[in-house]
Amino acid sequence: MTFADAVREVVLEAASRPDRPTPGGLCERLARETERYLDRVQFSRERYVRHPILLWEDWEIMLIAWESGHITPIHDHRGVMGGMAVLSGTLAEERFSTQHERPELFDSRPRPEGDLSDIGPTVLHRLAPTSARAISLHVYRPPLRSMGIWDASGLISIMPSAFDVGD
């Protein structure tokens, strides 16, 4: 059984329950399964690396490998719900409001190994590792096909979501 097959089984099992699974809830279940596969994750000094795990029906699941110095742009998920689990290392997450059409920092917190967080459909945030290396699990429903990219002046572009490692 491949890793994607194991993840698909977890998704199917969660979907068969009477309560509808959320990305955050699924992240918690998948984190335990994922830990057995972390030795396959590829890192790059140049940028964080997104690894596709499963793009299936109305779910998208990926791992992101981080090295010190990497940082995402401030971004949104274009209305997609998400969940994140930090599998190794520590990430810093900054969340922003946009009351005046420009991002304004309202929360900054460490996300240590084992941390789970929900990423609502309107969350605007930025992530960066604070450890030498980190690996995070990301679950989206529906699949994340684009992201809004922001700078201090406001929304600057809408970019397609793409993987760095083959599918």
Foldseek 3Di string as FASTA:
>chain_A
DDLLVVLVVLQVVQPVDPDHDAQLNSQLVVLVSCVVPVVVDDQDPVEKFWAWRDQDDQKTKIKIKAFAPHKDFFKAQQQKKKKKAWAAAKKKKWWFDCPPQFTDTDDIDIRHHGRMDIRGRGITMMMHTPDRMTMMMMMIGRDRQWMFGHDRVHTDDIGGDDGRDDD
